[in-house]
C-alpha cells in the first residue's frame, strides 16, 4: 500500500504493523539540545501525521474484515 507524507511524497508500506511501531517511536524522539526545538517540532508533526494515517488504514482494514 502507498500513502502520502506531509511533503506530498509517496511512501510504500510493506508491513503495516511494523510501520506503526516505527512511527510511534520516531514521533517521540527529540534532541537533548534545545537549539533543535524547531526541527524537533517539524519532525514530530511529520511522524505524527504518518502515524495517524497508518492507524486509520489499520482501522479501515479491521472494519472491512468484519463485513
PDB file of N, CA and C in Angstrom:
ATOM      1  N   UNK A   1       0.844  -1.176   0.000  1.00  0.00           N
ATOM      2  CA  UNK A   1       0.000   0.000   0.000  1.00  0.00           C
ATOM      3  C   UNK A   1       0.885   1.232   0.000  1.00  0.00           C
ATOM      4  N   UNK A   2       0.329   2.334  -0.440  1.00  0.00           N
ATOM      5  CA  UNK A   2       1.084   3.585  -0.522  1.00  0.00           C
ATOM      6  C   UNK A   2       0.316   4.689   0.190  1.00  0.00           C
ATOM      7  N   UNK A   3       1.077   5.572   0.840  1.00  0.00           N
ATOM      8  CA  UNK A   3       0.488   6.751   1.479  1.00  0.00           C
ATOM      9  C   UNK A   3       1.329   7.960   1.099  1.00  0.00           C
ATOM     10  N   UNK A   4       0.739   9.142   1.262  1.00  0.00           N
ATOM     11  CA  UNK A   4       1.472  10.391   1.000  1.00  0.00           C
ATOM     12  C   UNK A   4       1.861  11.021   2.336  1.00  0.00           C
ATOM     13  N   UNK A   5       3.090  11.490   2.406  1.00  0.00           N
ATOM     14  CA  UNK A   5       3.537  12.167   3.622  1.00  0.00           C
ATOM     15  C   UNK A   5       3.183  13.647   3.553  1.00  0.00           C
ATOM     16  N   UNK A   6       3.568  14.398   4.567  1.00  0.00           N
ATOM     17  CA  UNK A   6       3.256  15.831   4.622  1.00  0.00           C
ATOM     18  C   UNK A   6       3.860  16.621   3.473  1.00  0.00           C
ATOM     19  N   UNK A   7       4.924  16.108   2.899  1.00  0.00           N
ATOM     20  CA  UNK A   7       5.600  16.793   1.796  1.00  0.00           C
ATOM     21  C   UNK A   7       5.037  16.397   0.438  1.00  0.00           C
ATOM     22  N   UNK A   8       4.043  15.521   0.438  1.00  0.00           N
ATOM     23  CA  UNK A   8       3.434  15.081  -0.808  1.00  0.00           C
ATOM     24  C   UNK A   8       4.158  13.918  -1.468  1.00  0.00           C
ATOM     25  N   UNK A   9       5.157  13.382  -0.789  1.00  0.00           N
ATOM     26  CA  UNK A   9       5.901  12.238  -1.327  1.00  0.00           C
ATOM     27  C   UNK A   9       5.144  10.948  -1.025  1.00  0.00           C
ATOM     28  N   UNK A  10       5.184  10.026  -1.972  1.00  0.00           N
ATOM     29  CA  UNK A  10       4.531   8.741  -1.797  1.00  0.00           C
ATOM     30  C   UNK A  10       5.484   7.771  -1.104  1.00  0.00           C
ATOM     31  N   UNK A  11       4.966   7.101  -0.085  1.00  0.00           N
ATOM     32  CA  UNK A  11       5.748   6.121   0.664  1.00  0.00           C
ATOM     33  C   UNK A  11       5.033   4.783   0.551  1.00  0.00           C
ATOM     34  N   UNK A  12       5.785   3.764   0.173  1.00  0.00           N
ATOM     35  CA  UNK A  12       5.210   2.426   0.077  1.00  0.00           C
ATOM     36  C   UNK A  12       5.366   1.717   1.421  1.00  0.00           C
ATOM     37  N   UNK A  13       4.270   1.188   1.914  1.00  0.00           N
ATOM     38  CA  UNK A  13       4.251   0.465   3.186  1.00  0.00           C
ATOM     39  C   UNK A  13       4.125  -1.021   2.879  1.00  0.00           C
ATOM     40  N   UNK A  14       5.104  -1.804   3.311  1.00  0.00           N
ATOM     41  CA  UNK A  14       5.056  -3.245   3.058  1.00  0.00           C
ATOM     42  C   UNK A  14       4.627  -4.023   4.299  1.00  0.00           C
ATOM     43  N   UNK A  15       4.822  -3.439   5.476  1.00  0.00           N
ATOM     44  CA  UNK A  15       4.427  -4.099   6.722  1.00  0.00           C
ATOM     45  C   UNK A  15       3.754  -3.049   7.606  1.00  0.00           C
ATOM     46  N   UNK A  16       2.437  -3.057   7.632  1.00  0.00           N
ATOM     47  CA  UNK A  16       1.675  -2.019   8.331  1.00  0.00           C
ATOM     48  C   UNK A  16       1.980  -1.985   9.821  1.00  0.00           C
ATOM     49  N   UNK A  17       1.992  -3.130  10.473  1.00  0.00           N
ATOM     50  CA  UNK A  17       2.228  -3.149  11.922  1.00  0.00           C
ATOM     51  C   UNK A  17       3.620  -2.631  12.274  1.00  0.00           C
ATOM     52  N   UNK A  18       4.612  -3.010  11.494  1.00  0.00           N
ATOM     53  CA  UNK A  18       5.975  -2.523  11.744  1.00  0.00           C
ATOM     54  C   UNK A  18       6.062  -1.020  11.505  1.00  0.00           C
ATOM     55  N   UNK A  19       5.406  -0.532  10.465  1.00  0.00           N
ATOM     56  CA  UNK A  19       5.410   0.902  10.173  1.00  0.00           C
ATOM     57  C   UNK A  19       4.765   1.684  11.313  1.00  0.00           C
ATOM     58  N   UNK A  20       3.705   1.149  11.882  1.00  0.00           N
ATOM     59  CA  UNK A  20       3.045   1.806  13.016  1.00  0.00           C
ATOM     60  C   UNK A  20       3.993   1.870  14.209  1.00  0.00           C
ATOM     61  N   UNK A  21       4.671   0.773  14.492  1.00  0.00           N
ATOM     62  CA  UNK A  21       5.625   0.760  15.616  1.00  0.00           C
ATOM     63  C   UNK A  21       6.743   1.770  15.411  1.00  0.00           C
ATOM     64  N   UNK A  22       7.275   1.830  14.210  1.00  0.00           N
ATOM     65  CA  UNK A  22       8.390   2.744  13.916  1.00  0.00           C
ATOM     66  C   UNK A  22       7.944   4.196  14.054  1.00  0.00           C
ATOM     67  N   UNK A  23       6.799   4.542  13.453  1.00  0.00           N
ATOM     68  CA  UNK A  23       6.349   5.934  13.526  1.00  0.00           C
ATOM     69  C   UNK A  23       5.968   6.318  14.948  1.00  0.00           C
ATOM     70  N   UNK A  24       5.419   5.388  15.719  1.00  0.00           N
ATOM     71  CA  UNK A  24       5.093   5.676  17.125  1.00  0.00           C
ATOM     72  C   UNK A  24       6.366   6.043  17.888  1.00  0.00           C
ATOM     73  N   UNK A  25       7.423   5.297  17.625  1.00  0.00           N
ATOM     74  CA  UNK A  25       8.702   5.543  18.299  1.00  0.00           C
ATOM     75  C   UNK A  25       9.328   6.858  17.831  1.00  0.00           C
ATOM     76  N   UNK A  26       9.345   7.102  16.519  1.00  0.00           N
ATOM     77  CA  UNK A  26      10.001   8.286  15.967  1.00  0.00           C
ATOM     78  C   UNK A  26       9.321   9.582  16.390  1.00  0.00           C
ATOM     79  N   UNK A  27       8.009   9.562  16.561  1.00  0.00           N
ATOM     80  CA  UNK A  27       7.328  10.815  16.914  1.00  0.00           C
ATOM     81  C   UNK A  27       7.650  11.264  18.336  1.00  0.00           C
ATOM     82  N   UNK A  28       8.261  10.394  19.117  1.00  0.00           N
ATOM     83  CA  UNK A  28       8.638  10.761  20.486  1.00  0.00           C
ATOM     84  C   UNK A  28      10.072  11.258  20.607  1.00  0.00           C
ATOM     85  N   UNK A  29      10.863  11.080  19.561  1.00  0.00           N
ATOM     86  CA  UNK A  29      12.271  11.482  19.611  1.00  0.00           C
ATOM     87  C   UNK A  29      12.405  12.996  19.635  1.00  0.00           C
ATOM     88  N   UNK A  30      13.386  13.454  20.401  1.00  0.00           N
ATOM     89  CA  UNK A  30      13.759  14.866  20.359  1.00  0.00           C
ATOM     90  C   UNK A  30      15.203  14.999  20.827  1.00  0.00           C
ATOM     91  N   UNK A  31      15.841  16.055  20.375  1.00  0.00           N
ATOM     92  CA  UNK A  31      17.228  16.299  20.749  1.00  0.00           C
ATOM     93  C   UNK A  31      17.309  16.773  22.197  1.00  0.00           C
ATOM     94  N   UNK A  32      18.402  16.447  22.845  1.00  0.00           N
ATOM     95  CA  UNK A  32      18.637  16.957  24.195  1.00  0.00           C
ATOM     96  C   UNK A  32      18.955  18.450  24.133  1.00  0.00           C
ATOM     97  N   UNK A  33      19.618  18.874  23.072  1.00  0.00           N
ATOM     98  CA  UNK A  33      19.981  20.272  22.867  1.00  0.00           C
ATOM     99  C   UNK A  33      18.731  21.041  22.425  1.00  0.00           C
ATOM    100  N   UNK A  34      18.297  21.986  23.207  1.00  0.00           N
ATOM    101  CA  UNK A  34      17.067  22.743  22.915  1.00  0.00           C
ATOM    102  C   UNK A  34      17.213  23.641  21.685  1.00  0.00           C
ATOM    103  N   UNK A  35      18.424  23.770  21.165  1.00  0.00           N
ATOM    104  CA  UNK A  35      18.635  24.529  19.948  1.00  0.00           C
ATOM    105  C   UNK A  35      17.981  23.873  18.729  1.00  0.00           C
ATOM    106  N   UNK A  36      17.593  22.632  18.883  1.00  0.00           N
ATOM    107  CA  UNK A  36      16.937  21.897  17.802  1.00  0.00           C
ATOM    108  C   UNK A  36      15.416  21.858  17.975  1.00  0.00           C
ATOM    109  N   UNK A  37      14.867  22.695  18.829  1.00  0.00           N
ATOM    110  CA  UNK A  37      13.438  22.605  19.138  1.00  0.00           C
ATOM    111  C   UNK A  37      12.548  22.837  17.915  1.00  0.00           C
ATOM    112  N   UNK A  38      12.928  23.763  17.015  1.00  0.00           N
ATOM    113  CA  UNK A  38      12.131  23.983  15.800  1.00  0.00           C
ATOM    114  C   UNK A  38      12.147  22.741  14.918  1.00  0.00           C
ATOM    115  N   UNK A  39      13.319  22.153  14.744  1.00  0.00           N
ATOM    116  CA  UNK A  39      13.432  20.935  13.952  1.00  0.00           C
ATOM    117  C   UNK A  39      12.636  19.805  14.605  1.00  0.00           C
ATOM    118  N   UNK A  40      12.766  19.677  15.909  1.00  0.00           N
ATOM    119  CA  UNK A  40      12.046  18.622  16.616  1.00  0.00           C
ATOM    120  C   UNK A  40      10.534  18.770  16.449  1.00  0.00           C
ATOM    121  N   UNK A  41      10.049  20.000  16.454  1.00  0.00           N
ATOM    122  CA  UNK A  41       8.618  20.235  16.277  1.00  0.00           C
ATOM    123  C   UNK A  41       8.170  19.792  14.884  1.00  0.00           C
ATOM    124  N   UNK A  42       8.957  20.142  13.862  1.00  0.00           N
ATOM    125  CA  UNK A  42       8.620  19.739  12.489  1.00  0.00           C
ATOM    126  C   UNK A  42       8.667  18.223  12.335  1.00  0.00           C
ATOM    127  N   UNK A  43       9.691  17.607  12.912  1.00  0.00           N
ATOM    128  CA  UNK A  43       9.809  16.155  12.815  1.00  0.00           C
ATOM    129  C   UNK A  43       8.654  15.467  13.549  1.00  0.00           C
ATOM    130  N   UNK A  44       8.275  16.013  14.690  1.00  0.00           N
ATOM    131  CA  UNK A  44       7.145  15.447  15.429  1.00  0.00           C
ATOM    132  C   UNK A  44       5.865  15.536  14.608  1.00  0.00           C
ATOM    133  N   UNK A  45       5.644  16.662  13.946  1.00  0.00           N
ATOM    134  CA  UNK A  45       4.460  16.811  13.095  1.00  0.00           C
ATOM    135  C   UNK A  45       4.480  15.794  11.962  1.00  0.00           C
ATOM    136  N   UNK A  46       5.635  15.614  11.358  1.00  0.00           N
ATOM    137  CA  UNK A  46       5.782  14.680  10.244  1.00  0.00           C
ATOM    138  C   UNK A  46       5.449  13.252  10.686  1.00  0.00           C
ATOM    139  N   UNK A  47       6.105  12.792  11.759  1.00  0.00           N
ATOM    140  CA  UNK A  47       5.908  11.416  12.207  1.00  0.00           C
ATOM    141  C   UNK A  47       4.514  11.200  12.785  1.00  0.00           C
ATOM    142  N   UNK A  48       3.969  12.203  13.445  1.00  0.00           N
ATOM    143  CA  UNK A  48       2.607  12.083  13.975  1.00  0.00           C
ATOM    144  C   UNK A  48       1.605  11.955  12.835  1.00  0.00           C
ATOM    145  N   UNK A  49       1.788  12.729  11.768  1.00  0.00           N
ATOM    146  CA  UNK A  49       0.907  12.651  10.610  1.00  0.00           C
ATOM    147  C   UNK A  49       0.950  11.246  10.004  1.00  0.00           C
ATOM    148  N   UNK A  50       2.139  10.711   9.795  1.00  0.00           N
ATOM    149  CA  UNK A  50       2.262   9.364   9.239  1.00  0.00           C
ATOM    150  C   UNK A  50       1.629   8.328  10.164  1.00  0.00           C
ATOM    151  N   UNK A  51       1.891   8.456  11.447  1.00  0.00           N
ATOM    152  CA  UNK A  51       1.361   7.521  12.444  1.00  0.00           C
ATOM    153  C   UNK A  51      -0.165   7.498  12.397  1.00  0.00           C
ATOM    154  N   UNK A  52      -0.779   8.672  12.367  1.00  0.00           N
ATOM    155  CA  UNK A  52      -2.239   8.755  12.339  1.00  0.00           C
ATOM    156  C   UNK A  52      -2.811   8.179  11.042  1.00  0.00           C
ATOM    157  N   UNK A  53      -2.137   8.412   9.925  1.00  0.00           N
ATOM    158  CA  UNK A  53      -2.588   7.842   8.650  1.00  0.00           C
ATOM    159  C   UNK A  53      -2.514   6.317   8.678  1.00  0.00           C
ATOM    160  N   UNK A  54      -1.450   5.787   9.252  1.00  0.00           N
ATOM    161  CA  UNK A  54      -1.292   4.338   9.335  1.00  0.00           C
ATOM    162  C   UNK A  54      -2.337   3.720  10.251  1.00  0.00           C
ATOM    163  N   UNK A  55      -2.617   4.374  11.379  1.00  0.00           N
ATOM    164  CA  UNK A  55      -3.654   3.869  12.279  1.00  0.00           C
ATOM    165  C   UNK A  55      -5.023   3.870  11.598  1.00  0.00           C
ATOM    166  N   UNK A  56      -5.279   4.880  10.801  1.00  0.00           N
ATOM    167  CA  UNK A  56      -6.548   4.967  10.079  1.00  0.00           C
ATOM    168  C   UNK A  56      -6.671   3.811   9.084  1.00  0.00           C
ATOM    169  N   UNK A  57      -5.595   3.524   8.379  1.00  0.00           N
ATOM    170  CA  UNK A  57      -5.596   2.411   7.430  1.00  0.00           C
ATOM    171  C   UNK A  57      -5.851   1.090   8.158  1.00  0.00           C
ATOM    172  N   UNK A  58      -5.189   0.912   9.292  1.00  0.00           N
ATOM    173  CA  UNK A  58      -5.363  -0.322  10.065  1.00  0.00           C
ATOM    174  C   UNK A  58      -6.811  -0.459  10.538  1.00  0.00           C
ATOM    175  N   UNK A  59      -7.382   0.632  11.001  1.00  0.00           N
ATOM    176  CA  UNK A  59      -8.767   0.634  11.456  1.00  0.00           C
ATOM    177  C   UNK A  59      -9.719   0.294  10.312  1.00  0.00           C
ATOM    178  N   UNK A  60      -9.476   0.858   9.144  1.00  0.00           N
ATOM    179  CA  UNK A  60     -10.312   0.585   7.980  1.00  0.00           C
ATOM    180  C   UNK A  60     -10.206  -0.878   7.558  1.00  0.00           C
ATOM    181  N   UNK A  61      -9.006  -1.444   7.656  1.00  0.00           N
ATOM    182  CA  UNK A  61      -8.816  -2.854   7.309  1.00  0.00           C
ATOM    183  C   UNK A  61      -9.587  -3.745   8.273  1.00  0.00           C
ATOM    184  N   UNK A  62      -9.591  -3.387   9.568  1.00  0.00           N
ATOM    185  CA  UNK A  62     -10.327  -4.175  10.564  1.00  0.00           C
ATOM    186  C   UNK A  62     -11.824  -4.129  10.272  1.00  0.00           C
ATOM    187  N   UNK A  63     -12.314  -2.944   9.923  1.00  0.00           N
ATOM    188  CA  UNK A  63     -13.741  -2.778   9.610  1.00  0.00           C
ATOM    189  C   UNK A  63     -14.131  -3.615   8.389  1.00  0.00           C
ATOM    190  N   UNK A  64     -13.292  -3.605   7.383  1.00  0.00           N
ATOM    191  CA  UNK A  64     -13.584  -4.369   6.164  1.00  0.00           C
ATOM    192  C   UNK A  64     -13.583  -5.869   6.442  1.00  0.00           C
ATOM    193  N   UNK A  65     -12.701  -6.320   7.337  1.00  0.00           N
ATOM    194  CA  UNK A  65     -12.617  -7.751   7.631  1.00  0.00           C
ATOM    195  C   UNK A  65     -13.830  -8.233   8.435  1.00  0.00           C
ATOM    196  N   UNK A  66     -14.524  -7.307   9.097  1.00  0.00           N
ATOM    197  CA  UNK A  66     -15.716  -7.678   9.862  1.00  0.00           C
ATOM    198  C   UNK A  66     -16.907  -7.928   8.959  1.00  0.00           C
ATOM    199  N   UNK A  67     -16.879  -7.338   7.784  1.00  0.00           N
ATOM    200  CA  UNK A  67     -18.016  -7.447   6.855  1.00  0.00           C
ATOM    201  C   UNK A  67     -18.041  -8.780   6.152  1.00  0.00           C
TER     202      UNK A  67
END
